Amino acid sequence: MFVSKEKPSAEVSPKPYPTLSTGDELRLTCKVNEVTVTITWRKNNDDARITRAEIDTNVDEKLSKLSIAEVVEDDSGDYSCEALNRAGIVARSTVKINIKGKVTSLCLMEDDY
C-alpha cells in the first residue's frame, strides 16, 4: 500500500475575522488539499466538539464550513481547522474570534418634587 508523503494543507477564511457582536452569525470556511482524509474543527485547541456550531464537512470537495447562528461572548476564542492525511500528518489553520456584548444604555430620570 502506497502512502503519500505529501503534506496536507488547511486554510481558514475569512482571516482575520471581523469583531462580532452578541447575536451575530459566525461563518468560517476551511479549504484543504487533495491528500486530506479528515477535517476537524477545534476551539482553543480543545479536543471537545464545538457544541453550539453547525459543521458541514465534505472531504471529497475539500471543504468544511462552521457556523454559529447567534454568537454569545463565550463563543470568543481561537478556532482552528485541522487537515489530516493518511500518513498521520496534520496541518492547522487558526483564526481568532472576538465577540463583544451589545451595549445597552440606561436612562435614569429624576422626578421633580
PDB file of N, CA and C in Angstrom:
ATOM      1  N   MET A   1       0.842  -1.179   0.000  1.00  0.00           N
ATOM      2  CA  MET A   1       0.000   0.000   0.000  1.00  0.00           C
ATOM      3  C   MET A   1       0.884   1.238   0.000  1.00  0.00           C
ATOM      4  N   PHE A   2       0.591   2.171  -0.905  1.00  0.00           N
ATOM      5  CA  PHE A   2       1.363   3.388  -1.038  1.00  0.00           C
ATOM      6  C   PHE A   2       0.718   4.485  -0.205  1.00  0.00           C
ATOM      7  N   VAL A   3       1.510   5.127   0.657  1.00  0.00           N
ATOM      8  CA  VAL A   3       1.022   6.254   1.448  1.00  0.00           C
ATOM      9  C   VAL A   3       1.761   7.491   0.981  1.00  0.00           C
ATOM     10  N   SER A   4       1.014   8.485   0.532  1.00  0.00           N
ATOM     11  CA  SER A   4       1.615   9.717   0.029  1.00  0.00           C
ATOM     12  C   SER A   4       2.336  10.450   1.149  1.00  0.00           C
ATOM     13  N   LYS A   5       3.504  10.963   0.842  1.00  0.00           N
ATOM     14  CA  LYS A   5       4.265  11.759   1.807  1.00  0.00           C
ATOM     15  C   LYS A   5       3.903  13.244   1.693  1.00  0.00           C
ATOM     16  N   GLU A   6       3.013  13.564   0.730  1.00  0.00           N
ATOM     17  CA  GLU A   6       2.632  14.960   0.564  1.00  0.00           C
ATOM     18  C   GLU A   6       1.909  15.442   1.823  1.00  0.00           C
ATOM     19  N   LYS A   7       2.248  16.637   2.225  1.00  0.00           N
ATOM     20  CA  LYS A   7       1.648  17.190   3.440  1.00  0.00           C
ATOM     21  C   LYS A   7       0.269  17.761   3.152  1.00  0.00           C
ATOM     22  N   PRO A   8      -0.623  17.628   4.130  1.00  0.00           N
ATOM     23  CA  PRO A   8      -1.943  18.238   3.977  1.00  0.00           C
ATOM     24  C   PRO A   8      -1.825  19.754   4.143  1.00  0.00           C
ATOM     25  N   SER A   9      -2.853  20.458   3.714  1.00  0.00           N
ATOM     26  CA  SER A   9      -2.904  21.905   3.947  1.00  0.00           C
ATOM     27  C   SER A   9      -4.313  22.273   4.376  1.00  0.00           C
ATOM     28  N   ALA A  10      -4.402  23.340   5.158  1.00  0.00           N
ATOM     29  CA  ALA A  10      -5.693  23.849   5.625  1.00  0.00           C
ATOM     30  C   ALA A  10      -5.616  25.370   5.651  1.00  0.00           C
ATOM     31  N   GLU A  11      -6.672  26.011   5.208  1.00  0.00           N
ATOM     32  CA  GLU A  11      -6.716  27.474   5.231  1.00  0.00           C
ATOM     33  C   GLU A  11      -8.115  27.936   5.620  1.00  0.00           C
ATOM     34  N   VAL A  12      -8.208  28.578   6.803  1.00  0.00           N
ATOM     35  CA  VAL A  12      -9.481  29.105   7.296  1.00  0.00           C
ATOM     36  C   VAL A  12      -9.688  30.499   6.724  1.00  0.00           C
ATOM     37  N   SER A  13     -10.921  30.798   6.345  1.00  0.00           N
ATOM     38  CA  SER A  13     -11.254  32.153   5.913  1.00  0.00           C
ATOM     39  C   SER A  13     -12.633  32.520   6.455  1.00  0.00           C
ATOM     40  N   PRO A  14     -12.959  33.796   6.621  1.00  0.00           N
ATOM     41  CA  PRO A  14     -12.063  34.916   6.412  1.00  0.00           C
ATOM     42  C   PRO A  14     -11.056  35.047   7.540  1.00  0.00           C
ATOM     43  N   LYS A  15      -9.928  35.609   7.213  1.00  0.00           N
ATOM     44  CA  LYS A  15      -8.841  35.765   8.178  1.00  0.00           C
ATOM     45  C   LYS A  15      -8.138  37.063   7.874  1.00  0.00           C
ATOM     46  N   PRO A  16      -8.026  38.007   8.755  1.00  0.00           N
ATOM     47  CA  PRO A  16      -8.603  37.981  10.106  1.00  0.00           C
ATOM     48  C   PRO A  16     -10.121  38.147  10.053  1.00  0.00           C
ATOM     49  N   TYR A  17     -10.762  37.660  11.095  1.00  0.00           N
ATOM     50  CA  TYR A  17     -12.223  37.731  11.152  1.00  0.00           C
ATOM     51  C   TYR A  17     -12.623  39.034  11.825  1.00  0.00           C
ATOM     52  N   PRO A  18     -13.631  39.733  11.290  1.00  0.00           N
ATOM     53  CA  PRO A  18     -14.063  40.978  11.945  1.00  0.00           C
ATOM     54  C   PRO A  18     -14.693  40.691  13.306  1.00  0.00           C
ATOM     55  N   THR A  19     -14.627  41.657  14.191  1.00  0.00           N
ATOM     56  CA  THR A  19     -15.231  41.514  15.520  1.00  0.00           C
ATOM     57  C   THR A  19     -16.743  41.382  15.375  1.00  0.00           C
ATOM     58  N   LEU A  20     -17.309  40.445  16.117  1.00  0.00           N
ATOM     59  CA  LEU A  20     -18.751  40.215  16.110  1.00  0.00           C
ATOM     60  C   LEU A  20     -19.376  40.774  17.376  1.00  0.00           C
ATOM     61  N   SER A  21     -20.668  41.023  17.315  1.00  0.00           N
ATOM     62  CA  SER A  21     -21.441  41.411  18.494  1.00  0.00           C
ATOM     63  C   SER A  21     -22.354  40.252  18.860  1.00  0.00           C
ATOM     64  N   THR A  22     -22.741  40.187  20.115  1.00  0.00           N
ATOM     65  CA  THR A  22     -23.662  39.161  20.579  1.00  0.00           C
ATOM     66  C   THR A  22     -24.885  39.133  19.665  1.00  0.00           C
ATOM     67  N   GLY A  23     -25.250  37.940  19.201  1.00  0.00           N
ATOM     68  CA  GLY A  23     -26.408  37.781  18.328  1.00  0.00           C
ATOM     69  C   GLY A  23     -26.057  37.694  16.853  1.00  0.00           C
ATOM     70  N   ASP A  24     -24.823  38.093  16.480  1.00  0.00           N
ATOM     71  CA  ASP A  24     -24.385  37.994  15.087  1.00  0.00           C
ATOM     72  C   ASP A  24     -24.162  36.536  14.706  1.00  0.00           C
ATOM     73  N   GLU A  25     -24.021  36.285  13.395  1.00  0.00           N
ATOM     74  CA  GLU A  25     -23.732  34.942  12.901  1.00  0.00           C
ATOM     75  C   GLU A  25     -22.237  34.809  12.605  1.00  0.00           C
ATOM     76  N   LEU A  26     -21.670  33.695  13.037  1.00  0.00           N
ATOM     77  CA  LEU A  26     -20.274  33.365  12.747  1.00  0.00           C
ATOM     78  C   LEU A  26     -20.264  32.359  11.611  1.00  0.00           C
ATOM     79  N   ARG A  27     -19.466  32.628  10.554  1.00  0.00           N
ATOM     80  CA  ARG A  27     -19.339  31.699   9.425  1.00  0.00           C
ATOM     81  C   ARG A  27     -17.875  31.589   9.047  1.00  0.00           C
ATOM     82  N   LEU A  28     -17.345  30.377   9.163  1.00  0.00           N
ATOM     83  CA  LEU A  28     -15.964  30.104   8.787  1.00  0.00           C
ATOM     84  C   LEU A  28     -15.939  29.023   7.709  1.00  0.00           C
ATOM     85  N   THR A  29     -14.967  29.125   6.816  1.00  0.00           N
ATOM     86  CA  THR A  29     -14.765  28.128   5.783  1.00  0.00           C
ATOM     87  C   THR A  29     -13.332  27.639   5.863  1.00  0.00           C
ATOM     88  N   CYS A  30     -13.136  26.337   5.671  1.00  0.00           N
ATOM     89  CA  CYS A  30     -11.796  25.751   5.667  1.00  0.00           C
ATOM     90  C   CYS A  30     -11.610  24.990   4.361  1.00  0.00           C
ATOM     91  N   LYS A  31     -10.580  25.387   3.623  1.00  0.00           N
ATOM     92  CA  LYS A  31     -10.236  24.686   2.389  1.00  0.00           C
ATOM     93  C   LYS A  31      -8.997  23.837   2.657  1.00  0.00           C
ATOM     94  N   VAL A  32      -9.032  22.592   2.192  1.00  0.00           N
ATOM     95  CA  VAL A  32      -7.913  21.671   2.391  1.00  0.00           C
ATOM     96  C   VAL A  32      -7.461  21.137   1.028  1.00  0.00           C
ATOM     97  N   ASN A  33      -6.306  20.469   1.005  1.00  0.00           N
ATOM     98  CA  ASN A  33      -5.819  19.936  -0.275  1.00  0.00           C
ATOM     99  C   ASN A  33      -6.257  18.488  -0.476  1.00  0.00           C
ATOM    100  N   GLU A  34      -5.877  17.928  -1.637  1.00  0.00           N
ATOM    101  CA  GLU A  34      -6.356  16.609  -2.066  1.00  0.00           C
ATOM    102  C   GLU A  34      -5.839  15.437  -1.238  1.00  0.00           C
ATOM    103  N   VAL A  35      -4.767  15.609  -0.461  1.00  0.00           N
ATOM    104  CA  VAL A  35      -4.272  14.484   0.341  1.00  0.00           C
ATOM    105  C   VAL A  35      -4.964  14.391   1.699  1.00  0.00           C
ATOM    106  N   THR A  36      -5.856  15.338   1.991  1.00  0.00           N
ATOM    107  CA  THR A  36      -6.578  15.350   3.268  1.00  0.00           C
ATOM    108  C   THR A  36      -7.636  14.252   3.290  1.00  0.00           C
ATOM    109  N   VAL A  37      -7.655  13.482   4.394  1.00  0.00           N
ATOM    110  CA  VAL A  37      -8.669  12.432   4.554  1.00  0.00           C
ATOM    111  C   VAL A  37      -9.646  12.751   5.682  1.00  0.00           C
ATOM    112  N   THR A  38      -9.255  13.651   6.595  1.00  0.00           N
ATOM    113  CA  THR A  38     -10.118  14.022   7.713  1.00  0.00           C
ATOM    114  C   THR A  38      -9.968  15.515   7.993  1.00  0.00           C
ATOM    115  N   ILE A  39     -11.108  16.179   8.240  1.00  0.00           N
ATOM    116  CA  ILE A  39     -11.107  17.591   8.619  1.00  0.00           C
ATOM    117  C   ILE A  39     -11.749  17.696  10.000  1.00  0.00           C
ATOM    118  N   THR A  40     -11.071  18.381  10.921  1.00  0.00           N
ATOM    119  CA  THR A  40     -11.562  18.543  12.294  1.00  0.00           C
ATOM    120  C   THR A  40     -11.502  20.009  12.692  1.00  0.00           C
ATOM    121  N   TRP A  41     -12.550  20.491  13.361  1.00  0.00           N
ATOM    122  CA  TRP A  41     -12.566  21.848  13.914  1.00  0.00           C
ATOM    123  C   TRP A  41     -12.305  21.770  15.409  1.00  0.00           C
ATOM    124  N   ARG A  42     -11.566  22.733  15.928  1.00  0.00           N
ATOM    125  CA  ARG A  42     -11.316  22.823  17.371  1.00  0.00           C
ATOM    126  C   ARG A  42     -11.452  24.283  17.806  1.00  0.00           C
ATOM    127  N   LYS A  43     -11.789  24.445  19.074  1.00  0.00           N
ATOM    128  CA  LYS A  43     -11.832  25.780  19.677  1.00  0.00           C
ATOM    129  C   LYS A  43     -10.834  25.785  20.826  1.00  0.00           C
ATOM    130  N   ASN A  44      -9.912  26.733  20.805  1.00  0.00           N
ATOM    131  CA  ASN A  44      -8.873  26.858  21.839  1.00  0.00           C
ATOM    132  C   ASN A  44      -8.101  25.549  22.028  1.00  0.00           C
ATOM    133  N   ASN A  45      -7.807  24.869  20.908  1.00  0.00           N
ATOM    134  CA  ASN A  45      -7.053  23.606  20.895  1.00  0.00           C
ATOM    135  C   ASN A  45      -7.698  22.501  21.718  1.00  0.00           C
ATOM    136  N   ASP A  46      -8.996  22.594  21.961  1.00  0.00           N
ATOM    137  CA  ASP A  46      -9.710  21.596  22.757  1.00  0.00           C
ATOM    138  C   ASP A  46     -10.205  20.477  21.845  1.00  0.00           C
ATOM    139  N   ASP A  47     -10.033  19.262  22.283  1.00  0.00           N
ATOM    140  CA  ASP A  47     -10.500  18.109  21.517  1.00  0.00           C
ATOM    141  C   ASP A  47     -12.026  17.973  21.552  1.00  0.00           C
ATOM    142  N   ALA A  48     -12.650  18.616  22.530  1.00  0.00           N
ATOM    143  CA  ALA A  48     -14.111  18.516  22.649  1.00  0.00           C
ATOM    144  C   ALA A  48     -14.763  19.178  21.441  1.00  0.00           C
ATOM    145  N   ARG A  49     -15.887  18.661  21.062  1.00  0.00           N
ATOM    146  CA  ARG A  49     -16.611  19.221  19.919  1.00  0.00           C
ATOM    147  C   ARG A  49     -17.104  20.625  20.249  1.00  0.00           C
ATOM    148  N   ILE A  50     -17.235  21.416  19.230  1.00  0.00           N
ATOM    149  CA  ILE A  50     -17.779  22.761  19.390  1.00  0.00           C
ATOM    150  C   ILE A  50     -19.296  22.596  19.342  1.00  0.00           C
ATOM    151  N   THR A  51     -19.908  22.492  20.513  1.00  0.00           N
ATOM    152  CA  THR A  51     -21.297  22.047  20.610  1.00  0.00           C
ATOM    153  C   THR A  51     -22.300  23.027  20.012  1.00  0.00           C
ATOM    154  N   ARG A  52     -22.026  24.320  20.038  1.00  0.00           N
ATOM    155  CA  ARG A  52     -23.005  25.295  19.535  1.00  0.00           C
ATOM    156  C   ARG A  52     -22.929  25.474  18.019  1.00  0.00           C
ATOM    157  N   ALA A  53     -21.944  24.869  17.402  1.00  0.00           N
ATOM    158  CA  ALA A  53     -21.725  25.105  15.969  1.00  0.00           C
ATOM    159  C   ALA A  53     -22.358  24.028  15.103  1.00  0.00           C
ATOM    160  N   GLU A  54     -22.781  24.450  13.915  1.00  0.00           N
ATOM    161  CA  GLU A  54     -23.163  23.518  12.869  1.00  0.00           C
ATOM    162  C   GLU A  54     -21.944  23.365  11.976  1.00  0.00           C
ATOM    163  N   ILE A  55     -21.524  22.138  11.751  1.00  0.00           N
ATOM    164  CA  ILE A  55     -20.342  21.888  10.936  1.00  0.00           C
ATOM    165  C   ILE A  55     -20.739  21.009   9.756  1.00  0.00           C
ATOM    166  N   ASP A  56     -20.417  21.488   8.569  1.00  0.00           N
ATOM    167  CA  ASP A  56     -20.700  20.758   7.337  1.00  0.00           C
ATOM    168  C   ASP A  56     -19.355  20.459   6.688  1.00  0.00           C
ATOM    169  N   THR A  57     -19.007  19.193   6.595  1.00  0.00           N
ATOM    170  CA  THR A  57     -17.720  18.799   6.030  1.00  0.00           C
ATOM    171  C   THR A  57     -17.931  17.898   4.829  1.00  0.00           C
ATOM    172  N   ASN A  58     -17.279  18.256   3.736  1.00  0.00           N
ATOM    173  CA  ASN A  58     -17.303  17.435   2.544  1.00  0.00           C
ATOM    174  C   ASN A  58     -15.855  17.219   2.118  1.00  0.00           C
ATOM    175  N   VAL A  59     -15.266  16.104   2.576  1.00  0.00           N
ATOM    176  CA  VAL A  59     -13.858  15.823   2.299  1.00  0.00           C
ATOM    177  C   VAL A  59     -13.627  15.672   0.797  1.00  0.00           C
ATOM    178  N   ASP A  60     -14.607  15.121   0.081  1.00  0.00           N
ATOM    179  CA  ASP A  60     -14.451  14.954  -1.365  1.00  0.00           C
ATOM    180  C   ASP A  60     -14.288  16.285  -2.086  1.00  0.00           C
ATOM    181  N   GLU A  61     -14.975  17.314  -1.592  1.00  0.00           N
ATOM    182  CA  GLU A  61     -14.865  18.641  -2.193  1.00  0.00           C
ATOM    183  C   GLU A  61     -13.767  19.471  -1.522  1.00  0.00           C
ATOM    184  N   LYS A  62     -13.111  18.884  -0.519  1.00  0.00           N
ATOM    185  CA  LYS A  62     -12.002  19.538   0.194  1.00  0.00           C
ATOM    186  C   LYS A  62     -12.438  20.839   0.858  1.00  0.00           C
ATOM    187  N   LEU A  63     -13.620  20.798   1.492  1.00  0.00           N
ATOM    188  CA  LEU A  63     -14.192  21.995   2.085  1.00  0.00           C
ATOM    189  C   LEU A  63     -14.966  21.645   3.350  1.00  0.00           C
ATOM    190  N   SER A  64     -14.854  22.514   4.348  1.00  0.00           N
ATOM    191  CA  SER A  64     -15.636  22.366   5.566  1.00  0.00           C
ATOM    192  C   SER A  64     -16.107  23.745   5.998  1.00  0.00           C
ATOM    193  N   LYS A  65     -17.345  23.796   6.498  1.00  0.00           N
ATOM    194  CA  LYS A  65     -17.903  25.075   6.954  1.00  0.00           C
ATOM    195  C   LYS A  65     -18.363  24.933   8.395  1.00  0.00           C
ATOM    196  N   LEU A  66     -18.106  25.979   9.168  1.00  0.00           N
ATOM    197  CA  LEU A  66     -18.544  26.036  10.560  1.00  0.00           C
ATOM    198  C   LEU A  66     -19.393  27.288  10.700  1.00  0.00           C
ATOM    199  N   SER A  67     -20.554  27.156  11.339  1.00  0.00           N
ATOM    200  CA  SER A  67     -21.389  28.335  11.572  1.00  0.00           C
ATOM    201  C   SER A  67     -22.069  28.243  12.929  1.00  0.00           C
ATOM    202  N   ILE A  68     -22.227  29.407  13.525  1.00  0.00           N
ATOM    203  CA  ILE A  68     -22.993  29.549  14.766  1.00  0.00           C
ATOM    204  C   ILE A  68     -24.003  30.657  14.484  1.00  0.00           C
ATOM    205  N   ALA A  69     -25.304  30.327  14.568  1.00  0.00           N
ATOM    206  CA  ALA A  69     -26.363  31.253  14.157  1.00  0.00           C
ATOM    207  C   ALA A  69     -26.361  32.538  14.980  1.00  0.00           C
ATOM    208  N   GLU A  70     -26.279  32.440  16.280  1.00  0.00           N
ATOM    209  CA  GLU A  70     -26.300  33.626  17.142  1.00  0.00           C
ATOM    210  C   GLU A  70     -25.215  33.466  18.199  1.00  0.00           C
ATOM    211  N   VAL A  71     -24.115  34.185  18.019  1.00  0.00           N
ATOM    212  CA  VAL A  71     -22.987  34.041  18.935  1.00  0.00           C
ATOM    213  C   VAL A  71     -23.252  34.731  20.266  1.00  0.00           C
ATOM    214  N   VAL A  72     -22.588  34.228  21.293  1.00  0.00           N
ATOM    215  CA  VAL A  72     -22.570  34.843  22.619  1.00  0.00           C
ATOM    216  C   VAL A  72     -21.103  35.090  22.960  1.00  0.00           C
ATOM    217  N   GLU A  73     -20.847  35.867  23.994  1.00  0.00           N
ATOM    218  CA  GLU A  73     -19.464  36.212  24.336  1.00  0.00           C
ATOM    219  C   GLU A  73     -18.595  34.979  24.585  1.00  0.00           C
ATOM    220  N   ASP A  74     -19.181  33.904  25.123  1.00  0.00           N
ATOM    221  CA  ASP A  74     -18.416  32.676  25.394  1.00  0.00           C
ATOM    222  C   ASP A  74     -17.942  31.982  24.116  1.00  0.00           C
ATOM    223  N   ASP A  75     -18.470  32.383  22.961  1.00  0.00           N
ATOM    224  CA  ASP A  75     -18.018  31.807  21.698  1.00  0.00           C
ATOM    225  C   ASP A  75     -16.690  32.413  21.240  1.00  0.00           C
ATOM    226  N   SER A  76     -16.213  33.454  21.913  1.00  0.00           N
ATOM    227  CA  SER A  76     -14.914  34.039  21.582  1.00  0.00           C
ATOM    228  C   SER A  76     -13.819  32.997  21.781  1.00  0.00           C
ATOM    229  N   GLY A  77     -12.769  33.076  20.964  1.00  0.00           N
ATOM    230  CA  GLY A  77     -11.651  32.153  21.123  1.00  0.00           C
ATOM    231  C   GLY A  77     -10.945  31.910  19.812  1.00  0.00           C
ATOM    232  N   ASP A  78     -10.008  30.976  19.840  1.00  0.00           N
ATOM    233  CA  ASP A  78      -9.250  30.590  18.659  1.00  0.00           C
ATOM    234  C   ASP A  78      -9.888  29.362  18.038  1.00  0.00           C
ATOM    235  N   TYR A  79     -10.373  29.501  16.796  1.00  0.00           N
ATOM    236  CA  TYR A  79     -10.987  28.402  16.065  1.00  0.00           C
ATOM    237  C   TYR A  79      -9.975  27.884  15.050  1.00  0.00           C
ATOM    238  N   SER A  80      -9.745  26.585  15.072  1.00  0.00           N
ATOM    239  CA  SER A  80      -8.779  26.022  14.131  1.00  0.00           C
ATOM    240  C   SER A  80      -9.407  24.885  13.342  1.00  0.00           C
ATOM    241  N   CYS A  81      -8.968  24.794  12.102  1.00  0.00           N
ATOM    242  CA  CYS A  81      -9.351  23.716  11.206  1.00  0.00           C
ATOM    243  C   CYS A  81      -8.104  22.863  11.021  1.00  0.00           C
ATOM    244  N   GLU A  82      -8.260  21.557  11.214  1.00  0.00           N
ATOM    245  CA  GLU A  82      -7.131  20.642  11.069  1.00  0.00           C
ATOM    246  C   GLU A  82      -7.389  19.670   9.929  1.00  0.00           C
ATOM    247  N   ALA A  83      -6.376  19.529   9.066  1.00  0.00           N
ATOM    248  CA  ALA A  83      -6.434  18.586   7.951  1.00  0.00           C
ATOM    249  C   ALA A  83      -5.455  17.454   8.240  1.00  0.00           C
ATOM    250  N   LEU A  84      -5.910  16.227   8.125  1.00  0.00           N
ATOM    251  CA  LEU A  84      -5.093  15.045   8.407  1.00  0.00           C
ATOM    252  C   LEU A  84      -4.959  14.217   7.137  1.00  0.00           C
ATOM    253  N   ASN A  85      -3.710  13.772   6.826  1.00  0.00           N
ATOM    254  CA  ASN A  85      -3.539  12.885   5.663  1.00  0.00           C
ATOM    255  C   ASN A  85      -3.389  11.442   6.136  1.00  0.00           C
ATOM    256  N   ARG A  86      -3.264  10.506   5.200  1.00  0.00           N
ATOM    257  CA  ARG A  86      -3.176   9.079   5.538  1.00  0.00           C
ATOM    258  C   ARG A  86      -1.932   8.740   6.349  1.00  0.00           C
ATOM    259  N   ALA A  87      -0.873   9.519   6.202  1.00  0.00           N
ATOM    260  CA  ALA A  87       0.364   9.266   6.941  1.00  0.00           C
ATOM    261  C   ALA A  87       0.290   9.804   8.379  1.00  0.00           C
ATOM    262  N   GLY A  88      -0.805  10.474   8.726  1.00  0.00           N
ATOM    263  CA  GLY A  88      -0.973  10.995  10.079  1.00  0.00           C
ATOM    264  C   GLY A  88      -0.407  12.396  10.273  1.00  0.00           C
ATOM    265  N   ILE A  89      -0.059  13.067   9.187  1.00  0.00           N
ATOM    266  CA  ILE A  89       0.466  14.434   9.280  1.00  0.00           C
ATOM    267  C   ILE A  89      -0.708  15.398   9.330  1.00  0.00           C
ATOM    268  N   VAL A  90      -0.620  16.373  10.237  1.00  0.00           N
ATOM    269  CA  VAL A  90      -1.702  17.329  10.442  1.00  0.00           C
ATOM    270  C   VAL A  90      -1.252  18.729  10.032  1.00  0.00           C
ATOM    271  N   ALA A  91      -2.124  19.429   9.320  1.00  0.00           N
ATOM    272  CA  ALA A  91      -1.932  20.855   9.023  1.00  0.00           C
ATOM    273  C   ALA A  91      -3.047  21.600   9.748  1.00  0.00           C
ATOM    274  N   ARG A  92      -2.728  22.776  10.266  1.00  0.00           N
ATOM    275  CA  ARG A  92      -3.706  23.524  11.057  1.00  0.00           C
ATOM    276  C   ARG A  92      -3.716  24.982  10.622  1.00  0.00           C
ATOM    277  N   SER A  93      -4.912  25.555  10.552  1.00  0.00           N
ATOM    278  CA  SER A  93      -5.092  26.979  10.288  1.00  0.00           C
ATOM    279  C   SER A  93      -6.023  27.511  11.372  1.00  0.00           C
ATOM    280  N   THR A  94      -5.635  28.625  11.985  1.00  0.00           N
ATOM    281  CA  THR A  94      -6.377  29.154  13.133  1.00  0.00           C
ATOM    282  C   THR A  94      -6.763  30.611  12.907  1.00  0.00           C
ATOM    283  N   VAL A  95      -7.939  30.976  13.396  1.00  0.00           N
ATOM    284  CA  VAL A  95      -8.394  32.359  13.349  1.00  0.00           C
ATOM    285  C   VAL A  95      -8.965  32.715  14.722  1.00  0.00           C
ATOM    286  N   LYS A  96      -8.664  33.945  15.178  1.00  0.00           N
ATOM    287  CA  LYS A  96      -9.160  34.411  16.475  1.00  0.00           C
ATOM    288  C   LYS A  96     -10.511  35.086  16.269  1.00  0.00           C
ATOM    289  N   ILE A  97     -11.487  34.677  17.080  1.00  0.00           N
ATOM    290  CA  ILE A  97     -12.834  35.239  17.020  1.00  0.00           C
ATOM    291  C   ILE A  97     -13.079  36.050  18.291  1.00  0.00           C
ATOM    292  N   ASN A  98     -13.410  37.335  18.101  1.00  0.00           N
ATOM    293  CA  ASN A  98     -13.727  38.218  19.222  1.00  0.00           C
ATOM    294  C   ASN A  98     -15.198  38.592  19.152  1.00  0.00           C
ATOM    295  N   ILE A  99     -15.886  38.401  20.279  1.00  0.00           N
ATOM    296  CA  ILE A  99     -17.310  38.733  20.347  1.00  0.00           C
ATOM    297  C   ILE A  99     -17.513  39.685  21.500  1.00  0.00           C
ATOM    298  N   LYS A 100     -18.084  40.832  21.187  1.00  0.00           N
ATOM    299  CA  LYS A 100     -18.351  41.810  22.239  1.00  0.00           C
ATOM    300  C   LYS A 100     -19.839  41.825  22.544  1.00  0.00           C
ATOM    301  N   GLY A 101     -20.156  42.095  23.792  1.00  0.00           N
ATOM    302  CA  GLY A 101     -21.555  42.174  24.190  1.00  0.00           C
ATOM    303  C   GLY A 101     -22.169  43.442  23.648  1.00  0.00           C
ATOM    304  N   LYS A 102     -23.457  43.395  23.414  1.00  0.00           N
ATOM    305  CA  LYS A 102     -24.148  44.597  22.948  1.00  0.00           C
ATOM    306  C   LYS A 102     -24.258  45.583  24.097  1.00  0.00           C
ATOM    307  N   VAL A 103     -24.011  46.832  23.774  1.00  0.00           N
ATOM    308  CA  VAL A 103     -24.089  47.883  24.786  1.00  0.00           C
ATOM    309  C   VAL A 103     -25.541  48.310  24.914  1.00  0.00           C
ATOM    310  N   THR A 104     -26.010  48.262  26.131  1.00  0.00           N
ATOM    311  CA  THR A 104     -27.367  48.747  26.375  1.00  0.00           C
ATOM    312  C   THR A 104     -27.258  50.001  27.215  1.00  0.00           C
ATOM    313  N   SER A 105     -28.025  51.008  26.842  1.00  0.00           N
ATOM    314  CA  SER A 105     -27.957  52.247  27.600  1.00  0.00           C
ATOM    315  C   SER A 105     -29.114  52.297  28.582  1.00  0.00           C
ATOM    316  N   LEU A 106     -28.823  52.869  29.695  1.00  0.00           N
ATOM    317  CA  LEU A 106     -29.829  53.001  30.754  1.00  0.00           C
ATOM    318  C   LEU A 106     -30.046  54.477  30.995  1.00  0.00           C
ATOM    319  N   CYS A 107     -31.245  54.887  30.884  1.00  0.00           N
ATOM    320  CA  CYS A 107     -31.572  56.308  31.060  1.00  0.00           C
ATOM    321  C   CYS A 107     -32.339  56.444  32.364  1.00  0.00           C
ATOM    322  N   LEU A 108     -31.763  57.179  33.294  1.00  0.00           N
ATOM    323  CA  LEU A 108     -32.425  57.422  34.566  1.00  0.00           C
ATOM    324  C   LEU A 108     -33.030  58.824  34.548  1.00  0.00           C
ATOM    325  N   MET A 109     -34.239  58.899  34.955  1.00  0.00           N
ATOM    326  CA  MET A 109     -34.889  60.207  35.006  1.00  0.00           C
ATOM    327  C   MET A 109     -35.169  60.541  36.446  1.00  0.00           C
ATOM    328  N   GLU A 110     -34.929  61.786  36.767  1.00  0.00           N
ATOM    329  CA  GLU A 110     -35.216  62.240  38.131  1.00  0.00           C
ATOM    330  C   GLU A 110     -36.607  62.840  38.161  1.00  0.00           C
ATOM    331  N   ASP A 111     -37.313  62.505  39.202  1.00  0.00           N
ATOM    332  CA  ASP A 111     -38.638  63.115  39.370  1.00  0.00           C
ATOM    333  C   ASP A 111     -38.480  64.496  39.991  1.00  0.00           C
ATOM    334  N   ASP A 112     -39.263  65.431  39.523  1.00  0.00           N
ATOM    335  CA  ASP A 112     -39.251  66.753  40.140  1.00  0.00           C
ATOM    336  C   ASP A 112     -40.182  66.719  41.349  1.00  0.00           C
ATOM    337  N   TYR A 113     -39.701  67.215  42.424  1.00  0.00           N
ATOM    338  CA  TYR A 113     -40.517  67.257  43.648  1.00  0.00           C
ATOM    339  C   TYR A 113     -40.961  68.649  43.927  1.00  0.00           C
TER     340      TYR A 113
END
